[in-house]
C-alpha atoms as a PDB file:
ATOM      1  CA  MET A   1     -85.583 -30.651 144.694  1.00  0.00           C
ATOM      2  CA  LYS A   2     -82.986 -32.214 142.353  1.00  0.00           C
ATOM      3  CA  LYS A   3     -85.729 -34.065 140.489  1.00  0.00           C
ATOM      4  CA  ILE A   4     -87.666 -30.856 139.862  1.00  0.00           C
ATOM      5  CA  ALA A   5     -84.543 -29.033 138.673  1.00  0.00           C
ATOM      6  CA  THR A   6     -83.668 -31.942 136.368  1.00  0.00           C
ATOM      7  CA  LEU A   7     -87.219 -32.040 134.984  1.00  0.00           C
ATOM      8  CA  LEU A   8     -87.192 -28.290 134.331  1.00  0.00           C
ATOM      9  CA  LEU A   9     -83.821 -28.546 132.612  1.00  0.00           C
ATOM     10  CA  CYS A  10     -85.100 -31.367 130.390  1.00  0.00           C
ATOM     11  CA  ILE A  11     -88.160 -29.315 129.454  1.00  0.00           C
ATOM     12  CA  VAL A  12     -86.032 -26.286 128.544  1.00  0.00           C
ATOM     13  CA  VAL A  13     -83.697 -28.415 126.417  1.00  0.00           C
ATOM     14  CA  LEU A  14     -86.643 -30.078 124.666  1.00  0.00           C
ATOM     15  CA  LEU A  15     -88.325 -26.753 123.924  1.00  0.00           C
ATOM     16  CA  THR A  16     -85.053 -25.364 122.587  1.00  0.00           C
ATOM     17  CA  LEU A  17     -84.586 -28.346 120.269  1.00  0.00           C
ATOM     18  CA  VAL A  18     -88.159 -28.142 118.984  1.00  0.00           C
ATOM     19  CA  GLY A  19     -87.787 -24.418 118.363  1.00  0.00           C
ATOM     20  CA  CYS A  20     -84.508 -24.887 116.481  1.00  0.00           C
ATOM     21  CA  SER A  21     -85.819 -27.732 114.334  1.00  0.00           C
ATOM     22  CA  SER A  22     -88.731 -25.688 113.041  1.00  0.00           C
ATOM     23  CA  LYS A  23     -86.484 -23.054 111.482  1.00  0.00           C
ATOM     24  CA  LYS A  24     -85.363 -23.591 107.900  1.00  0.00           C
ATOM     25  CA  LEU A  25     -81.955 -22.266 106.938  1.00  0.00           C
ATOM     26  CA  GLU A  26     -81.901 -20.094 103.856  1.00  0.00           C
ATOM     27  CA  LYS A  27     -80.004 -21.715 100.988  1.00  0.00           C
ATOM     28  CA  PRO A  28     -76.983 -19.633  99.982  1.00  0.00           C
ATOM     29  CA  GLU A  29     -75.527 -19.553  96.480  1.00  0.00           C
ATOM     30  CA  THR A  30     -74.026 -23.047  96.281  1.00  0.00           C
ATOM     31  CA  ASN A  31     -73.649 -26.005  93.947  1.00  0.00           C
ATOM     32  CA  LEU A  32     -74.808 -28.551  96.563  1.00  0.00           C
ATOM     33  CA  GLU A  33     -77.606 -30.874  95.412  1.00  0.00           C
ATOM     34  CA  PHE A  34     -79.651 -30.481  98.607  1.00  0.00           C
ATOM     35  CA  TRP A  35     -79.861 -28.055 101.488  1.00  0.00           C
ATOM     36  CA  ILE A  36     -80.454 -28.545 105.232  1.00  0.00           C
ATOM     37  CA  GLY A  37     -84.179 -28.827 105.958  1.00  0.00           C
ATOM     38  CA  GLU A  38     -85.105 -29.369 102.316  1.00  0.00           C
ATOM     39  CA  ASN A  39     -88.034 -31.739 101.748  1.00  0.00           C
ATOM     40  CA  VAL A  40     -86.875 -34.685  99.635  1.00  0.00           C
ATOM     41  CA  ASP A  41     -90.026 -36.840  99.718  1.00  0.00           C
ATOM     42  CA  ASP A  42     -90.225 -36.764  95.910  1.00  0.00           C
ATOM     43  CA  VAL A  43     -86.502 -37.360  95.261  1.00  0.00           C
ATOM     44  CA  ASP A  44     -85.514 -40.691  93.701  1.00  0.00           C
ATOM     45  CA  PHE A  45     -82.345 -41.782  95.525  1.00  0.00           C
ATOM     46  CA  SER A  46     -81.908 -44.954  93.430  1.00  0.00           C
ATOM     47  CA  ASN A  47     -78.978 -43.380  91.530  1.00  0.00           C
ATOM     48  CA  TYR A  48     -77.153 -42.453  94.757  1.00  0.00           C
ATOM     49  CA  GLN A  49     -74.647 -44.682  96.569  1.00  0.00           C
ATOM     50  CA  MET A  50     -76.067 -45.517 100.018  1.00  0.00           C
ATOM     51  CA  LYS A  51     -73.788 -45.175 103.036  1.00  0.00           C
ATOM     52  CA  TYR A  52     -74.307 -48.067 105.431  1.00  0.00           C
ATOM     53  CA  GLY A  53     -74.565 -47.933 109.192  1.00  0.00           C
ATOM     54  CA  MET A  54     -77.385 -45.498 109.960  1.00  0.00           C
ATOM     55  CA  PHE A  55     -80.458 -46.436 111.945  1.00  0.00           C
ATOM     56  CA  GLY A  56     -83.616 -44.320 111.721  1.00  0.00           C
ATOM     57  CA  GLY A  57     -82.898 -42.833 108.309  1.00  0.00           C
ATOM     58  CA  ASN A  58     -80.668 -43.146 105.274  1.00  0.00           C
ATOM     59  CA  MET A  59     -77.396 -41.578 104.253  1.00  0.00           C
ATOM     60  CA  TYR A  60     -76.261 -41.223 100.657  1.00  0.00           C
ATOM     61  CA  TYR A  61     -73.037 -40.051  99.062  1.00  0.00           C
ATOM     62  CA  GLY A  62     -73.483 -37.002  96.874  1.00  0.00           C
ATOM     63  CA  THR A  63     -73.310 -37.540  93.144  1.00  0.00           C
ATOM     64  CA  GLY A  64     -69.788 -38.444  92.059  1.00  0.00           C
ATOM     65  CA  TYR A  65     -68.566 -39.648  95.479  1.00  0.00           C
ATOM     66  CA  VAL A  66     -67.953 -43.381  95.817  1.00  0.00           C
ATOM     67  CA  PRO A  67     -66.613 -45.129  98.920  1.00  0.00           C
ATOM     68  CA  THR A  68     -63.946 -47.806  98.784  1.00  0.00           C
ATOM     69  CA  LEU A  69     -64.080 -51.052 100.755  1.00  0.00           C
ATOM     70  CA  ASP A  70     -61.501 -52.053 103.343  1.00  0.00           C
ATOM     71  CA  GLU A  71     -60.266 -55.592 104.089  1.00  0.00           C
ATOM     72  CA  ASN A  72     -63.406 -56.223 106.192  1.00  0.00           C
ATOM     73  CA  GLU A  73     -65.732 -55.106 103.372  1.00  0.00           C
ATOM     74  CA  GLN A  74     -66.582 -51.932 105.328  1.00  0.00           C
ATOM     75  CA  GLN A  75     -67.142 -48.681 103.466  1.00  0.00           C
ATOM     76  CA  VAL A  76     -64.366 -46.112 103.672  1.00  0.00           C
ATOM     77  CA  ASP A  77     -65.364 -42.542 102.841  1.00  0.00           C
ATOM     78  CA  PRO A  78     -63.412 -40.682 100.177  1.00  0.00           C
ATOM     79  CA  GLU A  79     -61.028 -38.085 101.636  1.00  0.00           C
ATOM     80  CA  HIS A  80     -63.481 -35.339 100.608  1.00  0.00           C
ATOM     81  CA  CYS A  81     -67.158 -36.060 100.050  1.00  0.00           C
ATOM     82  CA  VAL A  82     -70.710 -34.863 100.560  1.00  0.00           C
ATOM     83  CA  ILE A  83     -73.021 -37.118 102.551  1.00  0.00           C
ATOM     84  CA  VAL A  84     -76.765 -36.475 102.523  1.00  0.00           C
ATOM     85  CA  THR A  85     -78.702 -37.603 105.611  1.00  0.00           C
ATOM     86  CA  ASN A  86     -82.390 -38.225 104.948  1.00  0.00           C
ATOM     87  CA  ARG A  87     -84.772 -38.695 107.876  1.00  0.00           C
ATOM     88  CA  SER A  88     -88.521 -38.640 107.326  1.00  0.00           C
ATOM     89  CA  GLY A  89     -88.087 -36.938 103.948  1.00  0.00           C
ATOM     90  CA  ILE A  90     -86.043 -34.013 105.319  1.00  0.00           C
ATOM     91  CA  VAL A  91     -82.312 -33.466 104.658  1.00  0.00           C
ATOM     92  CA  PHE A  92     -80.079 -33.105 107.717  1.00  0.00           C
END
């Protein structure tokens, strides 16, 4: 019985996630370069500073934000910054 309940719970969670991911949030009046769910397949990210450490996609600092490096040569985010997450051509 526990296996059936667990399976049903997993199915409900999966269906909820699929339903939520298909909705695109309306972009409000903002000065952000990209918006959640925006297709960025045609965007050239070569002028953006890449943030290291992500598997399965890429993260970039928004224009004008540059990380510093610590004593171990690891990136340290600026105190305030915008980070764009790009997976499969969609901004998250």
